Amino acid sequence: MSLLDEIKAKAAVRKKTIVLCEGEDERVIRAAAEITKEGIAKIVLIGNEAECKKVAPGVELKGVTLIDPLTSDKTSKYASILYEARKAKGMTEEQAKEQAKDRTMFGALMLKAGDVDGYVSGACHSTANTLRPGLQVVKTAPGISTVSSCFIMIAPNKTNPYNPDGVAVFADCAINIEPTAEQLADIAISSAKTARTIAGIEPRVAFLSFSTKGSGNDDKFYQTVPKVKSAVEIAKAAAPELALDGEFQFDAAVAPEVGALKAPGSAVAGHANVLVFPNINAGNIGYKIAQRYGGYMAIGPICQGFAKPLNDLSRGCNVEDIVATVAVTALQAE
């Protein structure tokens, strides 16, 4: 059984309820039907029956709960939740009533109210439009101030000596462009949780750099090495139970012979399976190199750091991508 199949099977046991916010998109409608048929999760689809039939004729939505914010008896309740969350920012009650009708905001308010266990959107909305409602009403988890993302990277086989489990976690490759040391620490802690709960591996977290334990420095110009060093210390103080270390070059992080040479005595060097990149440039390039040159399957981006599970789809996603994201979201739910 592949890791993705394992994730789906675990999600099916949990029977969580996930809201899909884009009932106007054929891919989302088909995914809702497939998820329900496979029993991966219970689905609330924001849309209406006539619209779904027009967009995806012939798709059977038996077992899917359809909700239209324009006619739902819960819209008023959600508007009140939104007003309470945003009145300090100047939102009026009338504005809240209007914004609560927006499908992505309605989905986030369902999550905030506890009426669903997770939220998935983004097939036909930008990342900003997808995540903004989460930031405004769901907010971040206790002790975490940074929303971030990661990819679960699945190897084409388990024959690579530098990745014997056949799976790794790469972060942050999609959200934080130039994270601070504090944000890098948050990203590492959140990614370790994802590694354990979703990927099923015991996390060994490496903070990556072009330097290993002071072998390089750019403190006169860019301050990236000092930033990563600071992030390591912040993360160790915040989560002393985690196996994490750095700063490491990639080979020192994953190759035992290099790790032993460059960072003797480190419990992580040479054995890392959670890789925290210093910025989005490195992260985005790194996961795509692994994907295209190494044949790795990339599941994600998986959002981390929200108080409740909330995930963003790529606008280029297909039905299987949506199914996988819903399964991951179900595993993130408490």
C-alpha atoms as a PDB file:
ATOM      1  CA  MET A   1       0.000   0.000   0.000  1.00  0.00           C
ATOM      2  CA  SER A   2       1.366   3.437  -0.957  1.00  0.00           C
ATOM      3  CA  LEU A   3       1.627   6.261   1.569  1.00  0.00           C
ATOM      4  CA  LEU A   4      -1.218   8.088  -0.180  1.00  0.00           C
ATOM      5  CA  ASP A   5      -3.393   4.975   0.100  1.00  0.00           C
ATOM      6  CA  GLU A   6      -2.466   4.732   3.778  1.00  0.00           C
ATOM      7  CA  ILE A   7      -3.465   8.371   4.301  1.00  0.00           C
ATOM      8  CA  LYS A   8      -6.832   7.749   2.631  1.00  0.00           C
ATOM      9  CA  ALA A   9      -7.413   4.612   4.693  1.00  0.00           C
ATOM     10  CA  LYS A  10      -6.589   6.402   7.959  1.00  0.00           C
ATOM     11  CA  ALA A  11      -8.869   9.284   6.987  1.00  0.00           C
ATOM     12  CA  ALA A  12     -11.721   6.871   6.270  1.00  0.00           C
ATOM     13  CA  VAL A  13     -11.473   5.487   9.806  1.00  0.00           C
ATOM     14  CA  ARG A  14     -11.709   8.968  11.310  1.00  0.00           C
ATOM     15  CA  LYS A  15     -14.938   9.907   9.456  1.00  0.00           C
ATOM     16  CA  LYS A  16     -14.286  13.651   9.625  1.00  0.00           C
ATOM     17  CA  THR A  17     -16.473  16.249   7.923  1.00  0.00           C
ATOM     18  CA  ILE A  18     -14.687  18.488   5.426  1.00  0.00           C
ATOM     19  CA  VAL A  19     -16.139  21.495   3.625  1.00  0.00           C
ATOM     20  CA  LEU A  20     -15.300  22.036  -0.051  1.00  0.00           C
ATOM     21  CA  CYS A  21     -16.040  25.675  -0.818  1.00  0.00           C
ATOM     22  CA  GLU A  22     -16.179  25.655  -4.624  1.00  0.00           C
ATOM     23  CA  GLY A  23     -19.359  23.963  -5.807  1.00  0.00           C
ATOM     24  CA  GLU A  24     -19.060  25.948  -9.036  1.00  0.00           C
ATOM     25  CA  ASP A  25     -16.020  23.915 -10.141  1.00  0.00           C
ATOM     26  CA  GLU A  26     -16.473  20.593 -11.953  1.00  0.00           C
ATOM     27  CA  ARG A  27     -13.306  19.093 -10.449  1.00  0.00           C
ATOM     28  CA  VAL A  28     -14.479  19.867  -6.935  1.00  0.00           C
ATOM     29  CA  ILE A  29     -17.914  18.372  -7.591  1.00  0.00           C
ATOM     30  CA  ARG A  30     -16.380  15.184  -8.985  1.00  0.00           C
ATOM     31  CA  ALA A  31     -13.963  14.988  -6.052  1.00  0.00           C
ATOM     32  CA  ALA A  32     -16.855  15.398  -3.590  1.00  0.00           C
ATOM     33  CA  ALA A  33     -18.602  12.446  -5.197  1.00  0.00           C
ATOM     34  CA  GLU A  34     -15.423  10.325  -5.231  1.00  0.00           C
ATOM     35  CA  ILE A  35     -14.546  11.083  -1.595  1.00  0.00           C
ATOM     36  CA  THR A  36     -18.056  10.196  -0.500  1.00  0.00           C
ATOM     37  CA  LYS A  37     -18.083   7.001  -2.561  1.00  0.00           C
ATOM     38  CA  GLU A  38     -14.739   5.881  -1.095  1.00  0.00           C
ATOM     39  CA  GLY A  39     -15.797   6.873   2.427  1.00  0.00           C
ATOM     40  CA  ILE A  40     -12.679   9.014   2.952  1.00  0.00           C
ATOM     41  CA  ALA A  41     -14.640  11.805   4.658  1.00  0.00           C
ATOM     42  CA  LYS A  42     -18.092  13.302   4.963  1.00  0.00           C
ATOM     43  CA  ILE A  43     -18.382  16.202   2.536  1.00  0.00           C
ATOM     44  CA  VAL A  44     -20.181  19.511   2.781  1.00  0.00           C
ATOM     45  CA  LEU A  45     -20.158  21.150  -0.652  1.00  0.00           C
ATOM     46  CA  ILE A  46     -20.913  24.857  -0.852  1.00  0.00           C
ATOM     47  CA  GLY A  47     -23.083  25.300  -3.902  1.00  0.00           C
ATOM     48  CA  ASN A  48     -26.572  24.374  -5.024  1.00  0.00           C
ATOM     49  CA  GLU A  49     -28.098  21.414  -6.815  1.00  0.00           C
ATOM     50  CA  ALA A  50     -29.031  23.217 -10.027  1.00  0.00           C
ATOM     51  CA  GLU A  51     -25.549  24.684 -10.374  1.00  0.00           C
ATOM     52  CA  CYS A  52     -23.857  21.320  -9.747  1.00  0.00           C
ATOM     53  CA  LYS A  53     -26.030  19.570 -12.324  1.00  0.00           C
ATOM     54  CA  LYS A  54     -25.202  22.231 -14.876  1.00  0.00           C
ATOM     55  CA  VAL A  55     -21.443  22.213 -14.216  1.00  0.00           C
ATOM     56  CA  ALA A  56     -21.032  18.442 -13.770  1.00  0.00           C
ATOM     57  CA  PRO A  57     -23.988  16.685 -15.398  1.00  0.00           C
ATOM     58  CA  GLY A  58     -24.379  13.057 -14.449  1.00  0.00           C
ATOM     59  CA  VAL A  59     -22.293  13.228 -11.261  1.00  0.00           C
ATOM     60  CA  GLU A  60     -24.100  11.507  -8.410  1.00  0.00           C
ATOM     61  CA  LEU A  61     -23.946  13.530  -5.190  1.00  0.00           C
ATOM     62  CA  LYS A  62     -25.826  11.125  -2.956  1.00  0.00           C
ATOM     63  CA  GLY A  63     -24.432  11.462   0.553  1.00  0.00           C
ATOM     64  CA  VAL A  64     -22.934  14.923  -0.108  1.00  0.00           C
ATOM     65  CA  THR A  65     -24.448  17.781   1.889  1.00  0.00           C
ATOM     66  CA  LEU A  66     -25.079  20.809  -0.339  1.00  0.00           C
ATOM     67  CA  ILE A  67     -25.294  24.228   1.306  1.00  0.00           C
ATOM     68  CA  ASP A  68     -25.936  27.563  -0.392  1.00  0.00           C
ATOM     69  CA  PRO A  69     -24.924  30.598   1.718  1.00  0.00           C
ATOM     70  CA  LEU A  70     -27.591  32.678  -0.023  1.00  0.00           C
ATOM     71  CA  THR A  71     -30.380  30.474   1.343  1.00  0.00           C
ATOM     72  CA  SER A  72     -28.864  28.738   4.384  1.00  0.00           C
ATOM     73  CA  ASP A  73     -30.490  29.333   7.760  1.00  0.00           C
ATOM     74  CA  LYS A  74     -26.970  29.386   9.265  1.00  0.00           C
ATOM     75  CA  THR A  75     -25.747  32.429   7.338  1.00  0.00           C
ATOM     76  CA  SER A  76     -27.038  34.834   9.982  1.00  0.00           C
ATOM     77  CA  LYS A  77     -25.281  32.881  12.747  1.00  0.00           C
ATOM     78  CA  TYR A  78     -22.031  32.897  10.788  1.00  0.00           C
ATOM     79  CA  ALA A  79     -22.346  36.628  10.107  1.00  0.00           C
ATOM     80  CA  SER A  80     -22.473  37.193  13.864  1.00  0.00           C
ATOM     81  CA  ILE A  81     -19.306  35.117  14.334  1.00  0.00           C
ATOM     82  CA  LEU A  82     -17.579  37.128  11.608  1.00  0.00           C
ATOM     83  CA  TYR A  83     -18.681  40.436  13.108  1.00  0.00           C
ATOM     84  CA  GLU A  84     -17.323  39.491  16.543  1.00  0.00           C
ATOM     85  CA  ALA A  85     -14.022  38.424  14.986  1.00  0.00           C
ATOM     86  CA  ARG A  86     -13.600  41.565  12.875  1.00  0.00           C
ATOM     87  CA  LYS A  87     -15.401  44.430  14.624  1.00  0.00           C
ATOM     88  CA  ALA A  88     -12.164  45.588  16.235  1.00  0.00           C
ATOM     89  CA  LYS A  89     -10.823  46.005  12.683  1.00  0.00           C
ATOM     90  CA  GLY A  90     -13.758  48.255  11.796  1.00  0.00           C
ATOM     91  CA  MET A  91     -16.157  45.747  10.240  1.00  0.00           C
ATOM     92  CA  THR A  92     -19.833  46.686  10.549  1.00  0.00           C
ATOM     93  CA  GLU A  93     -22.683  44.228  11.065  1.00  0.00           C
ATOM     94  CA  GLU A  94     -23.938  44.915   7.546  1.00  0.00           C
ATOM     95  CA  GLN A  95     -20.524  44.182   6.078  1.00  0.00           C
ATOM     96  CA  ALA A  96     -20.370  40.953   8.058  1.00  0.00           C
ATOM     97  CA  LYS A  97     -23.776  39.873   6.758  1.00  0.00           C
ATOM     98  CA  GLU A  98     -22.620  40.476   3.195  1.00  0.00           C
ATOM     99  CA  GLN A  99     -19.200  38.837   3.557  1.00  0.00           C
ATOM    100  CA  ALA A 100     -20.678  35.758   5.242  1.00  0.00           C
ATOM    101  CA  LYS A 101     -22.383  34.976   1.907  1.00  0.00           C
ATOM    102  CA  ASP A 102     -19.017  34.581   0.193  1.00  0.00           C
ATOM    103  CA  ARG A 103     -18.363  30.860  -0.253  1.00  0.00           C
ATOM    104  CA  THR A 104     -14.795  30.762   1.020  1.00  0.00           C
ATOM    105  CA  MET A 105     -15.666  32.925   4.009  1.00  0.00           C
ATOM    106  CA  PHE A 106     -18.776  30.814   4.668  1.00  0.00           C
ATOM    107  CA  GLY A 107     -16.594  27.693   4.697  1.00  0.00           C
ATOM    108  CA  ALA A 108     -14.113  29.264   7.113  1.00  0.00           C
ATOM    109  CA  LEU A 109     -16.988  30.301   9.388  1.00  0.00           C
ATOM    110  CA  MET A 110     -18.365  26.750   9.326  1.00  0.00           C
ATOM    111  CA  LEU A 111     -14.936  25.600  10.507  1.00  0.00           C
ATOM    112  CA  LYS A 112     -14.731  28.278  13.178  1.00  0.00           C
ATOM    113  CA  ALA A 113     -18.206  27.347  14.445  1.00  0.00           C
ATOM    114  CA  GLY A 114     -17.246  23.665  14.706  1.00  0.00           C
ATOM    115  CA  ASP A 115     -19.832  22.567  12.151  1.00  0.00           C
ATOM    116  CA  VAL A 116     -17.093  20.936  10.042  1.00  0.00           C
ATOM    117  CA  ASP A 117     -13.679  19.516  10.931  1.00  0.00           C
ATOM    118  CA  GLY A 118     -11.675  20.920   8.024  1.00  0.00           C
ATOM    119  CA  TYR A 119     -11.762  23.309   5.062  1.00  0.00           C
ATOM    120  CA  VAL A 120     -10.428  22.905   1.512  1.00  0.00           C
ATOM    121  CA  SER A 121     -10.585  25.542  -1.224  1.00  0.00           C
ATOM    122  CA  GLY A 122      -8.437  27.108  -3.939  1.00  0.00           C
ATOM    123  CA  ALA A 123      -9.324  25.188  -7.114  1.00  0.00           C
ATOM    124  CA  CYS A 124     -10.658  28.384  -8.651  1.00  0.00           C
ATOM    125  CA  HIS A 125      -9.539  30.982  -6.099  1.00  0.00           C
ATOM    126  CA  SER A 126      -6.101  32.458  -5.409  1.00  0.00           C
ATOM    127  CA  THR A 127      -4.091  31.438  -2.362  1.00  0.00           C
ATOM    128  CA  ALA A 128      -4.700  34.888  -0.881  1.00  0.00           C
ATOM    129  CA  ASN A 129      -8.481  34.577  -1.288  1.00  0.00           C
ATOM    130  CA  THR A 130      -8.404  31.049   0.109  1.00  0.00           C
ATOM    131  CA  LEU A 131      -6.270  31.697   3.190  1.00  0.00           C
ATOM    132  CA  ARG A 132      -7.483  35.189   4.098  1.00  0.00           C
ATOM    133  CA  PRO A 133     -10.767  33.963   5.664  1.00  0.00           C
ATOM    134  CA  GLY A 134      -8.787  31.464   7.727  1.00  0.00           C
ATOM    135  CA  LEU A 135      -6.421  34.140   8.980  1.00  0.00           C
ATOM    136  CA  GLN A 136      -9.341  36.442   9.805  1.00  0.00           C
ATOM    137  CA  VAL A 137     -11.606  34.022  11.670  1.00  0.00           C
ATOM    138  CA  VAL A 138      -9.892  30.663  12.324  1.00  0.00           C
ATOM    139  CA  LYS A 139      -6.512  32.218  13.221  1.00  0.00           C
ATOM    140  CA  THR A 140      -3.383  30.412  14.360  1.00  0.00           C
ATOM    141  CA  ALA A 141      -2.909  27.523  16.773  1.00  0.00           C
ATOM    142  CA  PRO A 142      -1.832  28.212  20.380  1.00  0.00           C
ATOM    143  CA  GLY A 143       1.906  28.855  20.585  1.00  0.00           C
ATOM    144  CA  ILE A 144       2.211  29.316  16.808  1.00  0.00           C
ATOM    145  CA  SER A 145       2.144  32.729  15.160  1.00  0.00           C
ATOM    146  CA  THR A 146       3.057  31.677  11.626  1.00  0.00           C
ATOM    147  CA  VAL A 147       0.873  30.018   9.001  1.00  0.00           C
ATOM    148  CA  SER A 148       3.149  28.028   6.721  1.00  0.00           C
ATOM    149  CA  SER A 149       3.131  25.179   4.237  1.00  0.00           C
ATOM    150  CA  CYS A 150       4.974  21.971   3.529  1.00  0.00           C
ATOM    151  CA  PHE A 151       5.085  19.215   0.952  1.00  0.00           C
ATOM    152  CA  ILE A 152       5.151  15.538   1.798  1.00  0.00           C
ATOM    153  CA  MET A 153       7.654  14.141  -0.687  1.00  0.00           C
ATOM    154  CA  ILE A 154       7.168  10.470  -1.568  1.00  0.00           C
ATOM    155  CA  ALA A 155      10.068   8.639  -3.234  1.00  0.00           C
ATOM    156  CA  PRO A 156       9.460   6.481  -6.315  1.00  0.00           C
ATOM    157  CA  ASN A 157      11.018   3.606  -4.334  1.00  0.00           C
ATOM    158  CA  LYS A 158      12.784   3.034  -1.012  1.00  0.00           C
ATOM    159  CA  THR A 159      16.215   2.239  -2.443  1.00  0.00           C
ATOM    160  CA  ASN A 160      17.773   5.667  -1.875  1.00  0.00           C
ATOM    161  CA  PRO A 161      20.225   5.351   1.036  1.00  0.00           C
ATOM    162  CA  TYR A 162      19.699   9.009   1.921  1.00  0.00           C
ATOM    163  CA  ASN A 163      15.956   8.571   2.318  1.00  0.00           C
ATOM    164  CA  PRO A 164      15.421   5.007   3.603  1.00  0.00           C
ATOM    165  CA  ASP A 165      11.819   5.677   4.695  1.00  0.00           C
ATOM    166  CA  GLY A 166      10.937   6.778   1.181  1.00  0.00           C
ATOM    167  CA  VAL A 167       9.264   9.936   2.475  1.00  0.00           C
ATOM    168  CA  ALA A 168      10.384  13.383   3.615  1.00  0.00           C
ATOM    169  CA  VAL A 169       8.821  16.730   4.490  1.00  0.00           C
ATOM    170  CA  PHE A 170       9.964  19.966   2.798  1.00  0.00           C
ATOM    171  CA  ALA A 171       9.001  23.381   4.222  1.00  0.00           C
ATOM    172  CA  ASP A 172       8.164  26.201   3.571  1.00  0.00           C
ATOM    173  CA  CYS A 173       7.876  26.011  -0.203  1.00  0.00           C
ATOM    174  CA  ALA A 174       4.728  28.026  -0.886  1.00  0.00           C
ATOM    175  CA  ILE A 175       3.711  30.720   1.625  1.00  0.00           C
ATOM    176  CA  ASN A 176       6.446  32.601   3.510  1.00  0.00           C
ATOM    177  CA  ILE A 177       8.769  34.362   1.093  1.00  0.00           C
ATOM    178  CA  GLU A 178      11.588  35.442   3.425  1.00  0.00           C
ATOM    179  CA  PRO A 179      10.735  34.120   6.888  1.00  0.00           C
ATOM    180  CA  THR A 180      12.293  35.578  10.006  1.00  0.00           C
ATOM    181  CA  ALA A 181      14.154  33.415  12.513  1.00  0.00           C
ATOM    182  CA  GLU A 182      10.998  33.239  14.636  1.00  0.00           C
ATOM    183  CA  GLN A 183       8.941  32.196  11.626  1.00  0.00           C
ATOM    184  CA  LEU A 184      11.481  29.531  10.636  1.00  0.00           C
ATOM    185  CA  ALA A 185      11.226  28.097  14.138  1.00  0.00           C
ATOM    186  CA  ASP A 186       7.421  27.978  13.859  1.00  0.00           C
ATOM    187  CA  ILE A 187       7.703  26.347  10.429  1.00  0.00           C
ATOM    188  CA  ALA A 188      10.022  23.661  11.830  1.00  0.00           C
ATOM    189  CA  ILE A 189       7.751  22.835  14.755  1.00  0.00           C
ATOM    190  CA  SER A 190       4.630  22.721  12.567  1.00  0.00           C
ATOM    191  CA  SER A 191       6.417  20.577   9.962  1.00  0.00           C
ATOM    192  CA  ALA A 192       7.518  18.096  12.624  1.00  0.00           C
ATOM    193  CA  LYS A 193       3.880  17.692  13.625  1.00  0.00           C
ATOM    194  CA  THR A 194       2.883  17.129   9.989  1.00  0.00           C
ATOM    195  CA  ALA A 195       5.651  14.552   9.589  1.00  0.00           C
ATOM    196  CA  ARG A 196       4.390  12.598  12.573  1.00  0.00           C
ATOM    197  CA  THR A 197       0.615  12.854  12.049  1.00  0.00           C
ATOM    198  CA  ILE A 198       0.368  12.778   8.244  1.00  0.00           C
ATOM    199  CA  ALA A 199       3.552  11.230   6.828  1.00  0.00           C
ATOM    200  CA  GLY A 200       3.801   8.710   9.660  1.00  0.00           C
ATOM    201  CA  ILE A 201       7.504   9.259  10.327  1.00  0.00           C
ATOM    202  CA  GLU A 202       9.352  10.272  13.477  1.00  0.00           C
ATOM    203  CA  PRO A 203      10.656  13.745  12.633  1.00  0.00           C
ATOM    204  CA  ARG A 204      14.337  14.592  12.499  1.00  0.00           C
ATOM    205  CA  VAL A 205      14.386  18.257  11.568  1.00  0.00           C
ATOM    206  CA  ALA A 206      17.245  19.972   9.733  1.00  0.00           C
ATOM    207  CA  PHE A 207      17.469  23.724   9.149  1.00  0.00           C
ATOM    208  CA  LEU A 208      19.121  24.107   5.748  1.00  0.00           C
ATOM    209  CA  SER A 209      21.675  26.665   4.572  1.00  0.00           C
ATOM    210  CA  PHE A 210      24.714  26.979   2.328  1.00  0.00           C
ATOM    211  CA  SER A 211      26.674  26.648   5.569  1.00  0.00           C
ATOM    212  CA  THR A 212      27.157  23.777   8.019  1.00  0.00           C
ATOM    213  CA  LYS A 213      27.838  24.721  11.631  1.00  0.00           C
ATOM    214  CA  GLY A 214      29.578  27.960  10.738  1.00  0.00           C
ATOM    215  CA  SER A 215      31.460  26.781   7.625  1.00  0.00           C
ATOM    216  CA  GLY A 216      30.086  29.766   5.710  1.00  0.00           C
ATOM    217  CA  ASN A 217      28.885  33.195   6.727  1.00  0.00           C
ATOM    218  CA  ASP A 218      27.171  36.156   5.104  1.00  0.00           C
ATOM    219  CA  ASP A 219      26.627  38.310   8.172  1.00  0.00           C
ATOM    220  CA  LYS A 220      28.164  41.385   6.509  1.00  0.00           C
ATOM    221  CA  PHE A 221      25.613  41.410   3.706  1.00  0.00           C
ATOM    222  CA  TYR A 222      22.538  39.156   3.816  1.00  0.00           C
ATOM    223  CA  GLN A 223      22.370  37.693   7.324  1.00  0.00           C
ATOM    224  CA  THR A 224      20.859  34.381   6.173  1.00  0.00           C
ATOM    225  CA  VAL A 225      23.278  32.156   8.101  1.00  0.00           C
ATOM    226  CA  PRO A 226      22.837  34.091  11.376  1.00  0.00           C
ATOM    227  CA  LYS A 227      19.083  33.968  10.816  1.00  0.00           C
ATOM    228  CA  VAL A 228      19.073  30.179  10.459  1.00  0.00           C
ATOM    229  CA  LYS A 229      21.334  29.783  13.502  1.00  0.00           C
ATOM    230  CA  SER A 230      18.963  31.934  15.529  1.00  0.00           C
ATOM    231  CA  ALA A 231      15.967  29.924  14.280  1.00  0.00           C
ATOM    232  CA  VAL A 232      17.586  26.704  15.518  1.00  0.00           C
ATOM    233  CA  GLU A 233      18.032  28.119  19.009  1.00  0.00           C
ATOM    234  CA  ILE A 234      14.455  29.475  19.122  1.00  0.00           C
ATOM    235  CA  ALA A 235      13.017  26.139  17.985  1.00  0.00           C
ATOM    236  CA  LYS A 236      15.106  24.159  20.484  1.00  0.00           C
ATOM    237  CA  ALA A 237      13.869  26.368  23.308  1.00  0.00           C
ATOM    238  CA  ALA A 238      10.238  26.128  22.173  1.00  0.00           C
ATOM    239  CA  ALA A 239      10.245  22.368  21.466  1.00  0.00           C
ATOM    240  CA  PRO A 240      13.109  20.724  23.373  1.00  0.00           C
ATOM    241  CA  GLU A 241      11.557  17.293  22.849  1.00  0.00           C
ATOM    242  CA  LEU A 242      12.108  17.454  19.078  1.00  0.00           C
ATOM    243  CA  ALA A 243      15.174  16.128  17.282  1.00  0.00           C
ATOM    244  CA  LEU A 244      16.213  19.262  15.401  1.00  0.00           C
ATOM    245  CA  ASP A 245      19.509  20.855  14.498  1.00  0.00           C
ATOM    246  CA  GLY A 246      21.333  23.068  12.033  1.00  0.00           C
ATOM    247  CA  GLU A 247      22.484  24.982  10.224  1.00  0.00           C
ATOM    248  CA  PHE A 248      23.245  22.277   7.626  1.00  0.00           C
ATOM    249  CA  GLN A 249      24.052  22.068   3.966  1.00  0.00           C
ATOM    250  CA  PHE A 250      21.740  19.586   2.275  1.00  0.00           C
ATOM    251  CA  ASP A 251      24.335  16.813   2.059  1.00  0.00           C
ATOM    252  CA  ALA A 252      25.259  17.215   5.722  1.00  0.00           C
ATOM    253  CA  ALA A 253      21.574  16.926   6.596  1.00  0.00           C
ATOM    254  CA  VAL A 254      20.818  13.697   4.706  1.00  0.00           C
ATOM    255  CA  ALA A 255      24.096  11.853   4.010  1.00  0.00           C
ATOM    256  CA  PRO A 256      25.434   9.973   7.093  1.00  0.00           C
ATOM    257  CA  GLU A 257      29.044  10.099   5.920  1.00  0.00           C
ATOM    258  CA  VAL A 258      28.904  13.871   5.339  1.00  0.00           C
ATOM    259  CA  GLY A 259      26.931  14.550   8.511  1.00  0.00           C
ATOM    260  CA  ALA A 260      29.457  12.647  10.611  1.00  0.00           C
ATOM    261  CA  LEU A 261      32.307  14.625   9.030  1.00  0.00           C
ATOM    262  CA  LYS A 262      30.796  18.093   9.171  1.00  0.00           C
ATOM    263  CA  ALA A 263      28.632  17.879  12.313  1.00  0.00           C
ATOM    264  CA  PRO A 264      30.009  15.099  14.544  1.00  0.00           C
ATOM    265  CA  GLY A 265      27.823  14.392  17.533  1.00  0.00           C
ATOM    266  CA  SER A 266      24.600  15.713  15.970  1.00  0.00           C
ATOM    267  CA  ALA A 267      21.611  13.362  16.289  1.00  0.00           C
ATOM    268  CA  VAL A 268      20.092  14.878  13.131  1.00  0.00           C
ATOM    269  CA  ALA A 269      23.023  15.362  10.769  1.00  0.00           C
ATOM    270  CA  GLY A 270      23.017  12.728   8.056  1.00  0.00           C
ATOM    271  CA  HIS A 271      19.590  11.413   9.035  1.00  0.00           C
ATOM    272  CA  ALA A 272      17.141  14.319   8.515  1.00  0.00           C
ATOM    273  CA  ASN A 273      13.689  13.671   7.107  1.00  0.00           C
ATOM    274  CA  VAL A 274      12.146  17.107   7.707  1.00  0.00           C
ATOM    275  CA  LEU A 275      13.982  19.800   5.772  1.00  0.00           C
ATOM    276  CA  VAL A 276      13.370  23.471   6.603  1.00  0.00           C
ATOM    277  CA  PHE A 277      14.532  25.770   3.815  1.00  0.00           C
ATOM    278  CA  PRO A 278      15.803  29.287   4.619  1.00  0.00           C
ATOM    279  CA  ASN A 279      13.355  30.972   2.233  1.00  0.00           C
ATOM    280  CA  ILE A 280      10.745  30.286  -0.425  1.00  0.00           C
ATOM    281  CA  ASN A 281      13.257  30.518  -3.270  1.00  0.00           C
ATOM    282  CA  ALA A 282      15.243  27.581  -1.918  1.00  0.00           C
ATOM    283  CA  GLY A 283      12.149  25.649  -0.871  1.00  0.00           C
ATOM    284  CA  ASN A 284      10.229  25.985  -4.115  1.00  0.00           C
ATOM    285  CA  ILE A 285      13.269  25.160  -6.228  1.00  0.00           C
ATOM    286  CA  GLY A 286      14.228  22.269  -3.958  1.00  0.00           C
ATOM    287  CA  TYR A 287      10.907  20.435  -4.002  1.00  0.00           C
ATOM    288  CA  LYS A 288      10.568  20.843  -7.770  1.00  0.00           C
ATOM    289  CA  ILE A 289      14.062  19.449  -8.357  1.00  0.00           C
ATOM    290  CA  ALA A 290      13.159  16.417  -6.237  1.00  0.00           C
ATOM    291  CA  GLN A 291       9.874  16.094  -8.113  1.00  0.00           C
ATOM    292  CA  ARG A 292      11.222  16.391 -11.668  1.00  0.00           C
ATOM    293  CA  TYR A 293      14.754  15.009 -11.422  1.00  0.00           C
ATOM    294  CA  GLY A 294      14.216  12.577  -8.566  1.00  0.00           C
ATOM    295  CA  GLY A 295      10.743  11.311  -9.471  1.00  0.00           C
ATOM    296  CA  TYR A 296       9.278  12.181  -6.072  1.00  0.00           C
ATOM    297  CA  MET A 297       5.537  12.672  -5.711  1.00  0.00           C
ATOM    298  CA  ALA A 298       4.738  15.948  -3.965  1.00  0.00           C
ATOM    299  CA  ILE A 299       1.600  16.022  -1.783  1.00  0.00           C
ATOM    300  CA  GLY A 300       0.689  19.581  -0.964  1.00  0.00           C
ATOM    301  CA  PRO A 301       1.138  22.351  -0.273  1.00  0.00           C
ATOM    302  CA  ILE A 302      -0.226  21.353   3.140  1.00  0.00           C
ATOM    303  CA  CYS A 303      -1.084  24.354   5.295  1.00  0.00           C
ATOM    304  CA  GLN A 304       0.206  24.391   8.864  1.00  0.00           C
ATOM    305  CA  GLY A 305      -0.242  26.611  11.870  1.00  0.00           C
ATOM    306  CA  PHE A 306      -3.989  27.267  11.751  1.00  0.00           C
ATOM    307  CA  ALA A 307      -6.033  26.550  14.859  1.00  0.00           C
ATOM    308  CA  LYS A 308      -8.112  24.153  12.739  1.00  0.00           C
ATOM    309  CA  PRO A 309      -7.278  22.340   9.466  1.00  0.00           C
ATOM    310  CA  LEU A 310      -7.479  24.612   6.446  1.00  0.00           C
ATOM    311  CA  ASN A 311      -5.863  23.793   3.108  1.00  0.00           C
ATOM    312  CA  ASP A 312      -5.305  25.526  -0.204  1.00  0.00           C
ATOM    313  CA  LEU A 313      -5.533  23.740  -3.552  1.00  0.00           C
ATOM    314  CA  SER A 314      -3.525  24.636  -6.631  1.00  0.00           C
ATOM    315  CA  ARG A 315      -5.672  26.152  -9.376  1.00  0.00           C
ATOM    316  CA  GLY A 316      -4.097  23.549 -11.656  1.00  0.00           C
ATOM    317  CA  CYS A 317      -5.263  20.672  -9.450  1.00  0.00           C
ATOM    318  CA  ASN A 318      -7.065  17.593 -10.699  1.00  0.00           C
ATOM    319  CA  VAL A 319      -9.703  15.443  -8.996  1.00  0.00           C
ATOM    320  CA  GLU A 320      -7.129  13.129  -7.400  1.00  0.00           C
ATOM    321  CA  ASP A 321      -5.253  16.123  -5.971  1.00  0.00           C
ATOM    322  CA  ILE A 322      -8.451  17.307  -4.297  1.00  0.00           C
ATOM    323  CA  VAL A 323      -9.177  13.833  -2.930  1.00  0.00           C
ATOM    324  CA  ALA A 324      -5.645  13.627  -1.486  1.00  0.00           C
ATOM    325  CA  THR A 325      -5.904  17.078   0.078  1.00  0.00           C
ATOM    326  CA  VAL A 326      -9.205  16.213   1.734  1.00  0.00           C
ATOM    327  CA  ALA A 327      -7.676  13.013   3.151  1.00  0.00           C
ATOM    328  CA  VAL A 328      -4.716  14.976   4.568  1.00  0.00           C
ATOM    329  CA  THR A 329      -7.075  17.589   6.013  1.00  0.00           C
ATOM    330  CA  ALA A 330      -9.064  14.851   7.754  1.00  0.00           C
ATOM    331  CA  LEU A 331      -5.876  13.558   9.395  1.00  0.00           C
ATOM    332  CA  GLN A 332      -4.992  17.070  10.593  1.00  0.00           C
ATOM    333  CA  ALA A 333      -8.311  17.372  12.451  1.00  0.00           C
ATOM    334  CA  GLU A 334      -8.378  16.758  16.191  1.00  0.00           C
END
